[in-house]
Amino acid sequence: MSGLFIRKKALTESLRGAKQYKEEVLTEINHEGKTSTRTINTVGNKGNEPPFIKLFIDDIARMYQLPSETPLLELIRLLNWDNQIILNSAIKRQIISRVGYKSVAVLNNYLSKCVSKGVFRLIDTGIYEANPELFGRGSWPEIKNKRLDEFWLKINYDEMGNKTISSSLANKIIGE
């Protein structure tokens, strides 16, 4: 026989703390039917990657020229299944303590900027609807139905980690 050679590879990965553990088991069968197995264990850093929502919040805050992404992240955490954020004075006080604002008035100004930029829409006193083109919570068909126009957001990262952001809404909102 010329060279029948079968290689079977099993890969197991696990994350514990800041380390990533990877185990590869290679099983080889040569043309004579002899089996050999070897195990390769590697340990590496999983990196300091922020949570995925933070990545997008950071980009959205920059794209919509908001002063900071931290209050936006706190507000989006409160998003309910109707794509709304319901704020009363107690919740506002909790948010300002978490983001380091000195008064509720600063948060109210931030909310006004978010409304004027189209990130949120004021439904009623203390009730804001998140732009469904940017944020959504619930089933995909419901979120899709809330979107009135076609929207796209494109974030490109180059080899150095620099971001280029473009959007179908960028000219409507940022260009004003």
Protein backbone atom coordinates (compact mmCIF):
# COMPACT_ATOMS: atom_id res chain seq x y z
CA MET A 1 0.00 0.00 0.00
CA SER A 2 1.19 3.47 -0.69
CA GLY A 3 0.39 5.79 2.16
CA LEU A 4 -2.99 5.63 3.75
CA PHE A 5 -2.77 8.05 6.62
CA ILE A 6 -5.70 9.19 8.76
CA ARG A 7 -5.43 11.99 11.27
CA LYS A 8 -8.19 12.70 13.74
CA LYS A 9 -8.02 15.85 15.81
CA ALA A 10 -10.07 16.62 18.92
CA LEU A 11 -9.91 20.09 20.39
CA THR A 12 -11.02 21.07 23.86
CA GLU A 13 -10.87 24.66 25.11
CA SER A 14 -11.79 26.13 28.45
CA LEU A 15 -11.52 29.53 30.02
CA ARG A 16 -10.63 29.92 33.67
CA GLY A 17 -9.90 33.36 35.03
CA ALA A 18 -7.54 35.20 32.71
CA LYS A 19 -6.14 31.98 31.16
CA GLN A 20 -7.29 29.98 28.17
CA TYR A 21 -6.54 26.25 28.32
CA LYS A 22 -6.45 24.29 25.09
CA GLU A 23 -5.98 20.54 24.68
CA GLU A 24 -5.53 18.91 21.29
CA VAL A 25 -5.58 15.15 20.95
CA LEU A 26 -4.12 13.91 17.66
CA THR A 27 -4.83 10.33 16.67
CA GLU A 28 -2.97 9.05 13.62
CA ILE A 29 -3.47 5.76 11.83
CA ASN A 30 -0.80 4.82 9.32
CA HIS A 31 -1.17 2.58 6.26
CA GLU A 32 -0.35 -0.51 8.34
CA GLY A 33 -3.20 0.21 10.75
CA LYS A 34 -0.97 1.23 13.63
CA THR A 35 -2.47 3.95 15.81
CA SER A 36 -0.52 6.62 17.61
CA THR A 37 -1.98 9.28 19.86
CA ARG A 38 -0.41 12.43 21.20
CA THR A 39 -1.81 15.19 23.34
CA ILE A 40 -0.77 18.83 23.06
CA ASN A 41 -1.67 21.14 25.95
CA THR A 42 -1.31 24.91 25.65
CA VAL A 43 -2.05 27.72 28.05
CA GLY A 44 -2.46 31.31 26.92
CA ASN A 45 -4.05 34.58 27.85
CA LYS A 46 -7.62 35.06 26.72
CA GLY A 47 -6.98 38.79 26.40
CA ASN A 48 -8.65 41.77 27.93
CA GLU A 49 -11.59 41.95 25.58
CA PRO A 50 -14.44 44.09 26.92
CA PRO A 51 -17.99 42.74 26.90
CA PHE A 52 -19.51 42.90 23.43
CA ILE A 53 -22.19 45.42 24.31
CA LYS A 54 -19.48 47.78 25.55
CA LEU A 55 -17.77 47.67 22.16
CA PHE A 56 -20.90 48.79 20.39
CA ILE A 57 -21.87 51.33 23.05
CA ASP A 58 -18.43 52.91 22.73
CA ASP A 59 -18.80 53.16 18.95
CA ILE A 60 -22.38 54.45 19.11
CA ALA A 61 -21.44 57.13 21.66
CA ARG A 62 -18.59 58.25 19.40
CA MET A 63 -20.69 58.12 16.24
CA TYR A 64 -23.50 60.15 17.79
CA GLN A 65 -21.03 62.54 19.46
CA LEU A 66 -22.19 61.85 22.99
CA PRO A 67 -19.91 63.08 25.80
CA SER A 68 -19.39 59.58 27.28
CA GLU A 69 -20.51 56.02 26.70
CA THR A 70 -20.78 55.15 30.42
CA PRO A 71 -24.26 56.66 31.04
CA LEU A 72 -25.47 55.10 27.78
CA LEU A 73 -24.33 51.68 28.97
CA GLU A 74 -26.15 52.17 32.28
CA LEU A 75 -29.32 53.25 30.46
CA ILE A 76 -29.26 50.36 28.00
CA ARG A 77 -28.98 47.91 30.91
CA LEU A 78 -32.50 49.08 31.86
CA LEU A 79 -34.00 48.34 28.44
CA ASN A 80 -37.24 46.35 28.82
CA TRP A 81 -38.95 43.98 26.35
CA ASP A 82 -40.86 46.89 24.79
CA ASN A 83 -37.54 48.54 23.90
CA GLN A 84 -38.22 51.19 26.53
CA ILE A 85 -36.27 52.61 29.43
CA ILE A 86 -38.43 53.72 32.33
CA LEU A 87 -36.74 56.22 34.63
CA ASN A 88 -37.99 57.61 37.88
CA SER A 89 -36.06 59.81 40.29
CA ALA A 90 -34.77 56.85 42.34
CA ILE A 91 -33.40 55.07 39.27
CA LYS A 92 -31.81 58.31 38.06
CA ARG A 93 -30.07 58.72 41.44
CA GLN A 94 -28.72 55.16 41.14
CA ILE A 95 -27.39 55.87 37.65
CA ILE A 96 -25.68 59.13 38.63
CA SER A 97 -23.95 57.41 41.55
CA ARG A 98 -22.66 54.64 39.23
CA VAL A 99 -21.41 57.01 36.51
CA GLY A 100 -20.05 59.67 38.85
CA TYR A 101 -22.35 62.55 37.93
CA LYS A 102 -22.85 65.21 40.58
CA SER A 103 -26.57 65.80 39.98
CA VAL A 104 -29.65 64.44 38.23
CA ALA A 105 -29.61 67.57 36.04
CA VAL A 106 -26.41 66.34 34.34
CA LEU A 107 -28.10 63.02 33.54
CA ASN A 108 -31.18 64.86 32.27
CA ASN A 109 -28.93 66.90 29.94
CA TYR A 110 -27.35 63.67 28.70
CA LEU A 111 -30.81 62.22 28.05
CA SER A 112 -31.78 65.38 26.14
CA LYS A 113 -28.70 64.97 23.93
CA CYS A 114 -29.58 61.34 23.31
CA VAL A 115 -33.10 62.37 22.27
CA SER A 116 -31.89 65.20 20.02
CA LYS A 117 -29.38 62.86 18.33
CA GLY A 118 -31.97 60.13 17.74
CA VAL A 119 -30.52 57.55 20.13
CA PHE A 120 -33.71 57.66 22.23
CA ARG A 121 -37.21 58.97 21.69
CA LEU A 122 -39.16 60.53 24.58
CA ILE A 123 -42.48 58.67 24.85
CA ASP A 124 -43.79 60.27 28.03
CA THR A 125 -42.38 61.71 31.25
CA GLY A 126 -39.60 59.35 32.32
CA ILE A 127 -40.21 56.88 29.47
CA TYR A 128 -37.70 56.66 26.63
CA GLU A 129 -37.74 54.34 23.64
CA ALA A 130 -34.38 53.18 22.38
CA ASN A 131 -33.79 53.58 18.66
CA PRO A 132 -34.54 50.06 17.32
CA GLU A 133 -31.90 50.60 14.65
CA LEU A 134 -29.29 50.70 17.42
CA PHE A 135 -30.69 48.64 20.30
CA GLY A 136 -33.27 45.92 20.69
CA ARG A 137 -34.48 43.54 23.30
CA GLY A 138 -37.01 40.86 22.54
CA SER A 139 -37.69 38.52 19.68
CA TRP A 140 -36.05 39.31 16.37
CA PRO A 141 -39.36 39.61 14.43
CA GLU A 142 -40.61 42.21 16.94
CA ILE A 143 -37.39 44.20 16.74
CA LYS A 144 -37.43 43.96 12.96
CA ASN A 145 -41.00 45.29 12.86
CA LYS A 146 -39.96 48.31 14.93
CA ARG A 147 -37.45 49.29 12.29
CA LEU A 148 -39.01 51.62 9.75
CA ASP A 149 -36.14 52.08 7.31
CA GLU A 150 -33.29 49.90 6.23
CA PHE A 151 -30.30 50.53 8.47
CA TRP A 152 -26.72 49.39 8.52
CA LEU A 153 -23.80 50.00 10.81
CA LYS A 154 -20.36 48.99 9.64
CA ILE A 155 -17.34 48.89 11.97
CA ASN A 156 -14.00 48.00 10.40
CA TYR A 157 -10.88 47.25 12.43
CA ASP A 158 -7.45 47.41 10.81
CA GLU A 159 -4.42 45.39 11.88
CA MET A 160 -3.45 48.04 14.44
CA GLY A 161 -6.90 47.94 16.09
CA ASN A 162 -8.05 51.30 14.72
CA LYS A 163 -11.75 51.56 13.98
CA THR A 164 -13.53 53.06 11.00
CA ILE A 165 -17.25 53.55 11.55
CA SER A 166 -19.87 54.20 8.89
CA SER A 167 -23.65 54.11 9.02
CA SER A 168 -26.68 54.70 6.84
CA LEU A 169 -27.92 57.12 9.51
CA ALA A 170 -24.62 58.95 10.04
CA ASN A 171 -25.37 61.75 7.57
CA LYS A 172 -28.90 62.25 8.89
CA ILE A 173 -27.85 62.47 12.53
CA ILE A 174 -24.21 63.53 12.72
CA GLY A 175 -24.28 65.78 9.67
CA GLU A 176 -26.98 68.07 11.12
